[in-house]
Amino acid sequence: MNPPCLRTISPVDGEVVVERPLHSTSDIDAVLRRARTAQRHWASQPLEQRQVLLTRFVDVLVGWRAELAREITLQMGRPRSQSPGEIRGLEERARYMIEVAPDALRPHQPAAREGFTRYVQRAPLGIVAVIAPWNYPYLTSINSVAPALLAGNAVVIKHSHQTPLCAERYAQAADEAGLPDGVLQFLHLDHDGVAALLADTRTAHAAFTGSVAGGVSVTRALVGRFVGSTLELGGKDPAYVRADARLDHAVENLVDGAFFNSGQSCCGIERIYVHESICAEFVDRFAALTRQYRLGNPLETATNLGPMVRGRSADLVREQTAEAVQQGARPLIDVSAFREGGPGSPYLAPQVLVDVTHEMRVMREETFGPVVGIMPVADDNAAIRLMNDSDYGLTASIWTRDEAAAVAIGNALETGTVFMNRCDYLDPALAWTGVKDSGRGCSLSALGYESLTRPKSFHLRTTLPA
């Protein structure tokens, strides 16, 4: 009897691009044993040495950029012309985390006290399980992989069955860069295997990016264990275009924010609120620019909108869009002008909906596809109320020339990140975090090291009484 396996079906052409046996319970045990031994040695190395090796690790991955980009496209369908950007983003984030590691991990020293040496150091947790999604397989995982390793942890990666080559590439790059054997490993697991990995007492932390349901499963797997997790669970990210916005800039960037990666981004724009005085012009320009997209084979250079990751994901977007239209929404894009497939096809045209309301799922539930709803609003207060009317709170963007207004609005928003005049971007110097169903904890920035380490206090009496 053949062991269970994962099979990656490319959305490009429906062909199998990867097939791998799933790892067993004994494989999990072996990986954790190696990781435990390696981690103790790794943590004893000076931070400067870990920085050198992580820099080599990043250099290796960057050197493979063209090959990795092609693999991303074949596995999950992003246009090949855009996939190299993911490796550039990985490089930006990893190099930043390497740079700030000394400050982030520096011991805290209270005021001097005669006769005592006192400080609090950041100690590694041990073994960190990184569970990564398919939509940005390198960008999402490096947020945890780089700081976890720099802090002295060992890492075990489990990537989505849609992008398993990414996990293997990490391990290959670690080996080529000279990282100690066992410090960075991968496992191909099903749901039961992930639960076993997380339930094992040797796993000290889980860093998960994915759906709300997946986050619930991770939390359940850790019940009864006093270990932490960071959960990045997606969003229904809004934009608000004020009357004083520079319209051309807002339109160009919001169209890209809505449809890049076929809308399959946790921080992509899914709903837009526009001041009523400029809404008609904004909608006309937004729809006109959307019609310029070229949907097609992502391996072709002219394509700037590829297939969604799988046919059933596209069907869920079709269903949500059709439901909104039945409830009164008006579609502005003629999909017959695109090379869209029928039901079951991952090839889905972009869509812009107006006359939408918050009674429609398309304005409240995560869509994760190339459709966006646009609503007029009377003022800032109306925009704030609607932007907060969601179970999610990852990012929100405000398009205005008035920084003070953006800050005031941002302070009223229930979200982890507030943008002004940009969207759909992670600045590695800032904490990446969400509220409500968008998750808990944070990654990136110096603060990203806190969840991957624990405080350890040293209270040393250096002068004894006579």
Protein backbone atom coordinates (compact mmCIF):
# COMPACT_ATOMS: atom_id res chain seq x y z
CA MET A 1 0.00 0.00 0.00
CA ASN A 2 1.41 3.37 -1.03
CA PRO A 3 1.85 5.97 1.73
CA PRO A 4 -0.45 9.02 1.61
CA CYS A 5 0.92 11.86 -0.47
CA LEU A 6 0.32 15.46 -1.38
CA ARG A 7 -0.33 16.39 -4.98
CA THR A 8 0.00 19.96 -6.22
CA ILE A 9 -2.25 20.74 -9.19
CA SER A 10 -1.12 23.80 -11.09
CA PRO A 11 -3.89 26.34 -11.73
CA VAL A 12 -2.04 27.27 -14.91
CA ASP A 13 -3.00 24.14 -16.83
CA GLY A 14 -4.41 21.61 -14.35
CA GLU A 15 -1.28 19.46 -14.46
CA VAL A 16 0.44 17.89 -11.45
CA VAL A 17 3.61 19.88 -10.71
CA VAL A 18 4.61 18.35 -7.37
CA GLU A 19 3.91 15.01 -5.74
CA ARG A 20 5.43 14.09 -2.40
CA PRO A 21 4.79 11.46 0.28
CA LEU A 22 3.42 12.88 3.49
CA HIS A 23 5.64 12.60 6.53
CA SER A 24 4.63 10.15 9.21
CA THR A 25 4.51 10.35 13.00
CA SER A 26 7.95 8.77 13.14
CA ASP A 27 9.22 11.40 10.69
CA ILE A 28 7.90 14.15 12.95
CA ASP A 29 9.68 12.58 15.90
CA ALA A 30 12.96 12.35 14.00
CA VAL A 31 12.76 15.95 12.82
CA LEU A 32 12.04 17.22 16.32
CA ARG A 33 14.89 15.17 17.80
CA ARG A 34 17.33 16.67 15.30
CA ALA A 35 15.92 20.14 15.87
CA ARG A 36 16.23 19.86 19.64
CA THR A 37 19.88 18.84 19.46
CA ALA A 38 20.71 21.45 16.83
CA GLN A 39 18.91 24.25 18.66
CA ARG A 40 20.99 23.90 21.80
CA HIS A 41 24.19 24.31 19.81
CA TRP A 42 22.75 27.06 17.62
CA ALA A 43 21.60 29.12 20.63
CA SER A 44 25.08 28.94 22.14
CA GLN A 45 26.63 30.64 19.09
CA PRO A 46 27.23 34.40 19.22
CA LEU A 47 24.49 36.45 17.59
CA GLU A 48 27.08 37.82 15.16
CA GLN A 49 27.68 34.31 13.84
CA ARG A 50 23.96 33.68 13.41
CA GLN A 51 23.71 36.97 11.52
CA VAL A 52 26.52 35.91 9.16
CA LEU A 53 24.87 32.57 8.39
CA LEU A 54 21.40 34.09 7.96
CA THR A 55 22.89 36.64 5.55
CA ARG A 56 24.35 33.78 3.50
CA PHE A 57 20.97 32.03 3.63
CA VAL A 58 19.27 35.10 2.19
CA ASP A 59 22.00 35.49 -0.44
CA VAL A 60 21.38 31.93 -1.61
CA LEU A 61 17.63 32.43 -1.96
CA VAL A 62 18.10 35.73 -3.78
CA GLY A 63 20.53 34.04 -6.14
CA TRP A 64 17.78 31.58 -7.06
CA ARG A 65 15.28 34.35 -7.76
CA ALA A 66 14.44 33.43 -11.35
CA GLU A 67 13.97 29.75 -10.59
CA LEU A 68 11.95 30.40 -7.45
CA ALA A 69 9.73 32.85 -9.32
CA ARG A 70 8.92 30.26 -11.98
CA GLU A 71 8.12 27.69 -9.29
CA ILE A 72 5.78 30.14 -7.53
CA THR A 73 3.92 30.72 -10.78
CA LEU A 74 3.56 27.03 -11.58
CA GLN A 75 2.42 26.15 -8.07
CA MET A 76 -0.12 28.92 -7.38
CA GLY A 77 -0.62 30.87 -10.60
CA ARG A 78 0.76 34.39 -10.05
CA PRO A 79 2.01 35.97 -13.28
CA ARG A 80 5.65 35.15 -13.81
CA SER A 81 6.41 38.83 -14.40
CA GLN A 82 5.29 39.56 -10.82
CA SER A 83 6.64 36.54 -8.93
CA PRO A 84 10.25 37.84 -8.62
CA GLY A 85 8.84 40.63 -6.45
CA GLU A 86 8.15 38.09 -3.75
CA ILE A 87 11.84 37.24 -3.49
CA ARG A 88 12.70 40.95 -3.37
CA GLY A 89 10.24 41.30 -0.51
CA LEU A 90 11.74 38.32 1.28
CA GLU A 91 15.17 39.91 0.96
CA GLU A 92 13.96 43.27 2.29
CA ARG A 93 12.30 41.75 5.33
CA ALA A 94 15.04 39.26 6.18
CA ARG A 95 17.86 41.78 5.88
CA TYR A 96 15.96 44.22 8.06
CA MET A 97 15.41 41.60 10.76
CA ILE A 98 19.11 40.71 10.61
CA GLU A 99 20.03 44.40 11.00
CA VAL A 100 17.82 45.08 14.03
CA ALA A 101 18.54 41.80 15.82
CA PRO A 102 21.28 43.21 18.11
CA ASP A 103 19.04 45.99 19.41
CA ALA A 104 15.94 43.79 19.62
CA LEU A 105 17.77 41.03 21.52
CA ARG A 106 19.95 43.27 23.67
CA PRO A 107 19.52 42.56 27.40
CA HIS A 108 17.50 45.06 29.40
CA GLN A 109 19.43 46.49 32.30
CA PRO A 110 17.66 48.32 35.14
CA ALA A 111 19.33 51.16 37.04
CA ALA A 112 22.62 50.19 38.66
CA ARG A 113 22.47 48.86 42.20
CA GLU A 114 25.64 48.59 44.24
CA GLY A 115 26.73 45.03 44.90
CA PHE A 116 24.50 43.52 42.22
CA THR A 117 24.51 42.77 38.52
CA ARG A 118 20.97 42.65 37.16
CA TYR A 119 19.64 42.23 33.66
CA VAL A 120 16.89 40.59 31.61
CA GLN A 121 17.95 38.77 28.48
CA ARG A 122 15.85 37.47 25.61
CA ALA A 123 16.17 33.68 25.61
CA PRO A 124 15.10 31.51 22.64
CA LEU A 125 11.97 29.40 23.03
CA GLY A 126 13.39 26.24 21.46
CA ILE A 127 11.62 24.84 18.40
CA VAL A 128 9.29 27.10 16.41
CA ALA A 129 6.77 25.57 14.00
CA VAL A 130 6.09 27.85 11.03
CA ILE A 131 2.89 26.97 9.15
CA ALA A 132 2.77 28.96 5.93
CA PRO A 133 0.09 29.55 3.25
CA TRP A 134 0.25 29.38 -0.53
CA ASN A 135 -0.65 32.96 -1.54
CA TYR A 136 2.72 34.51 -0.59
CA PRO A 137 4.65 31.42 0.43
CA TYR A 138 8.02 33.08 0.98
CA LEU A 139 6.87 36.49 2.20
CA THR A 140 4.59 35.12 4.90
CA SER A 141 7.03 32.51 6.15
CA ILE A 142 10.17 34.67 6.26
CA ASN A 143 8.39 36.96 8.75
CA SER A 144 8.86 34.22 11.35
CA VAL A 145 11.69 32.10 9.94
CA ALA A 146 14.32 34.87 9.97
CA PRO A 147 13.74 36.28 13.48
CA ALA A 148 13.16 32.83 14.99
CA LEU A 149 16.55 31.63 13.74
CA LEU A 150 18.33 34.86 14.64
CA ALA A 151 16.96 34.60 18.18
CA GLY A 152 18.51 31.15 18.55
CA ASN A 153 15.53 28.91 17.87
CA ALA A 154 15.32 25.95 15.53
CA VAL A 155 12.56 26.10 12.92
CA VAL A 156 10.34 23.41 11.41
CA ILE A 157 8.39 24.63 8.37
CA LYS A 158 5.16 23.18 7.07
CA HIS A 159 4.06 24.83 3.83
CA SER A 160 0.71 24.57 2.09
CA HIS A 161 0.21 21.54 -0.17
CA GLN A 162 -0.12 24.08 -2.98
CA THR A 163 3.46 25.36 -2.51
CA PRO A 164 5.53 22.52 -1.01
CA LEU A 165 8.62 23.36 -3.06
CA CYS A 166 9.06 26.53 -1.00
CA ALA A 167 9.65 24.53 2.18
CA GLU A 168 12.15 22.34 0.36
CA ARG A 169 13.93 25.39 -1.04
CA TYR A 170 14.34 26.82 2.46
CA ALA A 171 16.02 23.61 3.60
CA GLN A 172 18.27 23.53 0.52
CA ALA A 173 19.29 27.15 1.05
CA ALA A 174 20.04 26.48 4.73
CA ASP A 175 22.30 23.61 3.76
CA GLU A 176 24.10 25.61 1.07
CA ALA A 177 24.56 28.58 3.42
CA GLY A 178 26.14 26.38 6.07
CA LEU A 179 23.47 26.50 8.75
CA PRO A 180 23.94 23.64 11.23
CA ASP A 181 22.11 20.44 10.34
CA GLY A 182 18.69 20.32 11.96
CA VAL A 183 18.33 24.05 12.63
CA LEU A 184 15.93 24.58 9.70
CA GLN A 185 13.87 21.59 8.53
CA PHE A 186 10.56 21.00 6.76
CA LEU A 187 7.71 18.54 6.98
CA HIS A 188 4.95 17.74 4.48
CA LEU A 189 1.93 17.07 6.70
CA ASP A 190 -1.83 16.67 6.56
CA HIS A 191 -4.11 18.19 9.20
CA ASP A 192 -3.57 15.31 11.61
CA GLY A 193 0.19 15.61 11.16
CA VAL A 194 0.11 19.34 11.94
CA ALA A 195 -1.94 18.64 15.07
CA ALA A 196 0.63 16.04 16.15
CA LEU A 197 3.50 18.46 15.54
CA LEU A 198 1.83 21.18 17.60
CA ALA A 199 0.79 18.83 20.40
CA ASP A 200 4.35 17.56 20.83
CA THR A 201 5.95 19.02 23.95
CA ARG A 202 9.13 19.76 22.02
CA THR A 203 7.33 22.36 19.89
CA ALA A 204 7.60 25.64 21.79
CA HIS A 205 5.72 28.06 19.52
CA ALA A 206 3.47 28.07 16.45
CA ALA A 207 3.57 30.84 13.84
CA PHE A 208 0.55 30.38 11.59
CA THR A 209 -0.69 32.34 8.57
CA GLY A 210 -3.97 31.28 6.99
CA SER A 211 -7.72 31.19 7.45
CA VAL A 212 -9.72 31.84 10.60
CA ALA A 213 -10.71 28.17 10.63
CA GLY A 214 -7.04 27.22 10.41
CA GLY A 215 -6.23 29.55 13.30
CA VAL A 216 -8.93 27.91 15.39
CA SER A 217 -7.43 24.50 14.61
CA VAL A 218 -3.96 25.67 15.66
CA THR A 219 -5.35 27.07 18.90
CA ARG A 220 -7.16 23.80 19.65
CA ALA A 221 -4.03 21.77 18.98
CA LEU A 222 -2.19 23.83 21.60
CA VAL A 223 -4.90 23.56 24.26
CA GLY A 224 -3.46 22.32 27.54
CA ARG A 225 0.05 23.43 26.66
CA PHE A 226 1.54 26.65 27.99
CA VAL A 227 3.09 27.75 24.73
CA GLY A 228 2.36 30.72 22.53
CA SER A 229 1.25 31.25 18.97
CA THR A 230 1.15 34.10 16.48
CA LEU A 231 -1.85 34.01 14.17
CA GLU A 232 -2.24 36.05 10.98
CA LEU A 233 -5.69 35.18 9.69
CA GLY A 234 -6.61 37.46 6.85
CA GLY A 235 -8.85 40.47 6.44
CA LYS A 236 -11.55 42.42 4.70
CA ASP A 237 -9.38 45.45 4.24
CA PRO A 238 -11.09 48.77 3.52
CA ALA A 239 -9.98 51.98 1.85
CA TYR A 240 -11.44 55.44 2.35
CA VAL A 241 -10.94 58.08 -0.34
CA ARG A 242 -11.56 61.55 1.10
CA ALA A 243 -12.70 64.51 -0.94
CA ASP A 244 -9.20 66.02 -0.85
CA ALA A 245 -7.47 62.89 -2.18
CA ARG A 246 -5.30 63.05 -5.28
CA LEU A 247 -7.62 61.02 -7.46
CA ASP A 248 -5.20 59.66 -10.06
CA HIS A 249 -2.85 58.37 -7.35
CA ALA A 250 -5.68 56.80 -5.35
CA VAL A 251 -7.21 55.07 -8.37
CA GLU A 252 -3.94 53.63 -9.66
CA ASN A 253 -2.88 52.26 -6.30
CA LEU A 254 -6.26 50.96 -5.20
CA VAL A 255 -6.82 49.09 -8.47
CA ASP A 256 -3.45 47.41 -7.95
CA GLY A 257 -4.23 46.83 -4.26
CA ALA A 258 -7.49 45.11 -5.16
CA PHE A 259 -6.37 42.91 -8.06
CA PHE A 260 -2.67 42.13 -7.60
CA ASN A 261 -2.20 38.38 -7.13
CA SER A 262 -5.82 37.99 -8.30
CA GLY A 263 -6.98 39.55 -5.05
CA GLN A 264 -5.48 36.69 -3.06
CA SER A 265 -3.83 38.80 -0.39
CA CYS A 266 -4.75 39.05 3.28
CA CYS A 267 -4.14 42.80 3.13
CA GLY A 268 -5.53 43.35 -0.38
CA ILE A 269 -8.27 45.95 -0.86
CA GLU A 270 -11.72 44.33 -0.75
CA ARG A 271 -14.01 47.33 -0.16
CA ILE A 272 -13.73 51.05 -0.89
CA TYR A 273 -15.60 54.02 0.55
CA VAL A 274 -15.41 57.27 -1.40
CA HIS A 275 -16.61 60.73 -0.43
CA GLU A 276 -19.85 61.34 -2.29
CA SER A 277 -18.57 64.53 -3.95
CA ILE A 278 -15.96 62.59 -5.97
CA CYS A 279 -17.40 59.08 -6.00
CA ALA A 280 -18.79 59.10 -9.55
CA GLU A 281 -15.48 60.24 -11.05
CA PHE A 282 -13.52 57.81 -8.89
CA VAL A 283 -15.73 54.88 -9.97
CA ASP A 284 -15.42 55.78 -13.67
CA ARG A 285 -11.63 55.94 -13.48
CA PHE A 286 -11.37 52.81 -11.33
CA ALA A 287 -13.48 50.75 -13.73
CA ALA A 288 -11.63 52.08 -16.79
CA LEU A 289 -8.26 51.05 -15.36
CA THR A 290 -9.59 47.66 -14.30
CA ARG A 291 -10.68 46.95 -17.88
CA GLN A 292 -7.03 47.19 -18.97
CA TYR A 293 -6.04 43.99 -17.15
CA ARG A 294 -4.90 41.05 -19.25
CA LEU A 295 -6.19 37.76 -17.83
CA GLY A 296 -4.40 34.69 -19.12
CA ASN A 297 -1.61 32.15 -18.83
CA PRO A 298 0.70 33.52 -16.12
CA LEU A 299 3.76 32.22 -17.95
CA GLU A 300 3.09 34.72 -20.77
CA THR A 301 4.74 38.11 -20.38
CA ALA A 302 1.63 40.07 -21.41
CA THR A 303 -0.42 38.60 -18.58
CA ASN A 304 -0.86 40.75 -15.48
CA LEU A 305 -3.79 38.83 -13.98
CA GLY A 306 -3.33 35.11 -13.57
CA PRO A 307 -5.67 32.34 -12.45
CA MET A 308 -6.81 31.97 -8.90
CA VAL A 309 -5.16 29.16 -6.97
CA ARG A 310 -7.88 26.62 -7.76
CA GLY A 311 -11.24 26.37 -9.46
CA ARG A 312 -13.28 26.01 -6.28
CA SER A 313 -11.75 29.21 -4.89
CA ALA A 314 -12.82 31.06 -8.05
CA ASP A 315 -16.28 29.55 -7.75
CA LEU A 316 -16.65 30.91 -4.23
CA VAL A 317 -15.89 34.40 -5.58
CA ARG A 318 -18.35 33.87 -8.43
CA GLU A 319 -20.98 32.83 -5.91
CA GLN A 320 -20.43 35.85 -3.66
CA THR A 321 -20.48 38.21 -6.64
CA ALA A 322 -23.64 36.69 -8.13
CA GLU A 323 -25.37 36.87 -4.77
CA ALA A 324 -24.55 40.57 -4.47
CA VAL A 325 -25.91 41.24 -7.97
CA GLN A 326 -29.12 39.42 -7.09
CA GLN A 327 -29.39 41.70 -4.04
CA GLY A 328 -29.05 44.84 -6.15
CA ALA A 329 -25.35 45.39 -6.78
CA ARG A 330 -24.39 46.55 -10.26
CA PRO A 331 -21.30 45.07 -11.99
CA LEU A 332 -19.26 47.49 -14.08
CA ILE A 333 -16.93 45.06 -15.84
CA ASP A 334 -18.06 43.05 -18.86
CA VAL A 335 -16.40 39.70 -18.17
CA SER A 336 -16.90 38.61 -21.79
CA ALA A 337 -14.01 40.92 -22.66
CA PHE A 338 -11.69 38.64 -20.67
CA ARG A 339 -10.47 35.08 -21.23
CA GLU A 340 -12.48 33.88 -18.26
CA GLY A 341 -13.26 30.21 -17.80
CA GLY A 342 -16.62 28.84 -16.78
CA PRO A 343 -17.64 27.31 -13.44
CA GLY A 344 -14.81 25.25 -12.01
CA SER A 345 -12.12 27.22 -13.87
CA PRO A 346 -9.53 29.15 -11.84
CA TYR A 347 -9.44 31.85 -14.53
CA LEU A 348 -11.64 34.67 -13.22
CA ALA A 349 -12.02 38.20 -14.58
CA PRO A 350 -11.78 41.21 -12.24
CA GLN A 351 -15.05 42.77 -11.16
CA VAL A 352 -16.10 46.13 -9.72
CA LEU A 353 -19.45 46.39 -7.94
CA VAL A 354 -21.41 49.55 -7.11
CA ASP A 355 -24.80 50.00 -5.45
CA VAL A 356 -23.53 47.66 -2.76
CA THR A 357 -24.62 47.60 0.88
CA HIS A 358 -23.38 46.03 4.07
CA GLU A 359 -26.23 43.55 3.87
CA MET A 360 -24.18 41.83 1.17
CA ARG A 361 -21.50 39.26 2.00
CA VAL A 362 -19.18 40.81 -0.56
CA MET A 363 -18.86 43.86 1.71
CA ARG A 364 -18.44 42.04 5.01
CA GLU A 365 -16.97 38.56 4.53
CA GLU A 366 -13.49 37.86 3.21
CA THR A 367 -13.65 37.31 -0.55
CA PHE A 368 -9.97 36.67 -1.34
CA GLY A 369 -10.47 37.15 -5.05
CA PRO A 370 -10.56 39.81 -7.80
CA VAL A 371 -13.76 41.65 -6.87
CA VAL A 372 -14.21 44.92 -5.00
CA GLY A 373 -17.27 46.86 -3.88
CA ILE A 374 -17.39 50.68 -3.87
CA MET A 375 -19.75 52.80 -1.75
CA PRO A 376 -20.21 56.59 -1.43
CA VAL A 377 -20.05 58.12 2.06
CA ALA A 378 -21.07 61.54 3.34
CA ASP A 379 -18.19 62.19 5.74
CA ASP A 380 -15.37 60.78 7.85
CA ASN A 381 -17.69 59.47 10.54
CA ALA A 382 -19.72 57.47 8.03
CA ALA A 383 -16.52 56.02 6.59
CA ILE A 384 -15.21 55.05 10.02
CA ARG A 385 -18.48 53.31 10.93
CA LEU A 386 -18.47 51.24 7.74
CA MET A 387 -14.75 50.47 7.85
CA ASN A 388 -15.19 49.08 11.37
CA ASP A 389 -18.27 47.08 10.36
CA SER A 390 -16.33 43.84 9.86
CA ASP A 391 -15.17 40.85 11.85
CA TYR A 392 -11.67 41.54 10.54
CA GLY A 393 -9.11 44.21 11.40
CA LEU A 394 -5.82 43.80 9.56
CA THR A 395 -5.19 47.03 7.59
CA ALA A 396 -7.07 50.09 6.44
CA SER A 397 -5.96 52.81 4.05
CA ILE A 398 -6.91 56.48 3.97
CA TRP A 399 -6.39 58.55 0.85
CA THR A 400 -6.04 62.23 1.67
CA ARG A 401 -3.65 65.19 1.62
CA ASP A 402 -4.38 65.86 5.31
CA GLU A 403 -2.04 63.90 7.60
CA ALA A 404 -3.77 65.08 10.76
CA ALA A 405 -7.11 63.85 9.44
CA ALA A 406 -5.58 60.49 8.54
CA VAL A 407 -4.19 60.11 12.07
CA ALA A 408 -7.52 61.07 13.65
CA ILE A 409 -9.41 58.60 11.46
CA GLY A 410 -6.77 55.94 12.02
CA ASN A 411 -7.10 56.27 15.78
CA ALA A 412 -10.81 55.44 15.45
CA LEU A 413 -10.25 52.38 13.27
CA GLU A 414 -10.19 48.83 14.66
CA THR A 415 -7.20 47.63 12.70
CA GLY A 416 -3.59 46.58 13.11
CA THR A 417 -2.10 48.90 10.47
CA VAL A 418 -3.27 52.27 9.15
CA PHE A 419 -1.97 53.44 5.77
CA MET A 420 -2.12 56.89 4.26
CA ASN A 421 -1.88 57.11 0.46
CA ARG A 422 -0.67 53.52 0.08
CA CYS A 423 -1.95 50.01 0.70
CA ASP A 424 -1.18 46.31 0.45
CA TYR A 425 2.40 46.60 1.71
CA LEU A 426 4.36 45.40 4.74
CA ASP A 427 7.06 47.72 6.06
CA PRO A 428 9.51 45.45 7.92
CA ALA A 429 10.27 48.27 10.38
CA LEU A 430 6.65 48.23 11.58
CA ALA A 431 4.81 45.55 13.51
CA TRP A 432 2.57 43.37 11.35
CA THR A 433 -0.46 42.62 13.46
CA GLY A 434 -4.23 42.33 13.37
CA VAL A 435 -7.21 42.58 15.66
CA LYS A 436 -10.55 40.76 15.85
CA ASP A 437 -10.62 37.77 13.47
CA SER A 438 -7.44 38.96 11.75
CA GLY A 439 -5.44 37.26 14.48
CA ARG A 440 -3.19 38.00 17.41
CA GLY A 441 0.47 38.68 18.10
CA CYS A 442 2.82 40.39 15.69
CA SER A 443 5.70 39.73 13.36
CA LEU A 444 8.36 41.98 11.81
CA SER A 445 9.98 45.05 13.39
CA ALA A 446 11.99 44.81 16.60
CA LEU A 447 8.74 43.88 18.34
CA GLY A 448 8.53 40.73 16.23
CA TYR A 449 11.28 39.18 18.34
CA GLU A 450 9.22 39.32 21.52
CA SER A 451 6.91 36.40 20.73
CA LEU A 452 9.85 34.26 19.57
CA THR A 453 11.82 34.70 22.79
CA ARG A 454 11.13 34.73 26.51
CA PRO A 455 12.50 37.06 29.17
CA LYS A 456 15.09 35.46 31.44
CA SER A 457 16.22 37.49 34.46
CA PHE A 458 19.67 37.37 36.04
CA HIS A 459 19.97 38.64 39.62
CA LEU A 460 23.61 38.34 40.65
CA ARG A 461 24.86 39.40 44.06
CA THR A 462 28.48 40.31 43.49
CA THR A 463 29.38 41.74 46.90
CA LEU A 464 28.83 39.63 49.99
CA PRO A 465 28.35 41.13 53.47
CA ALA A 466 31.47 41.21 55.64
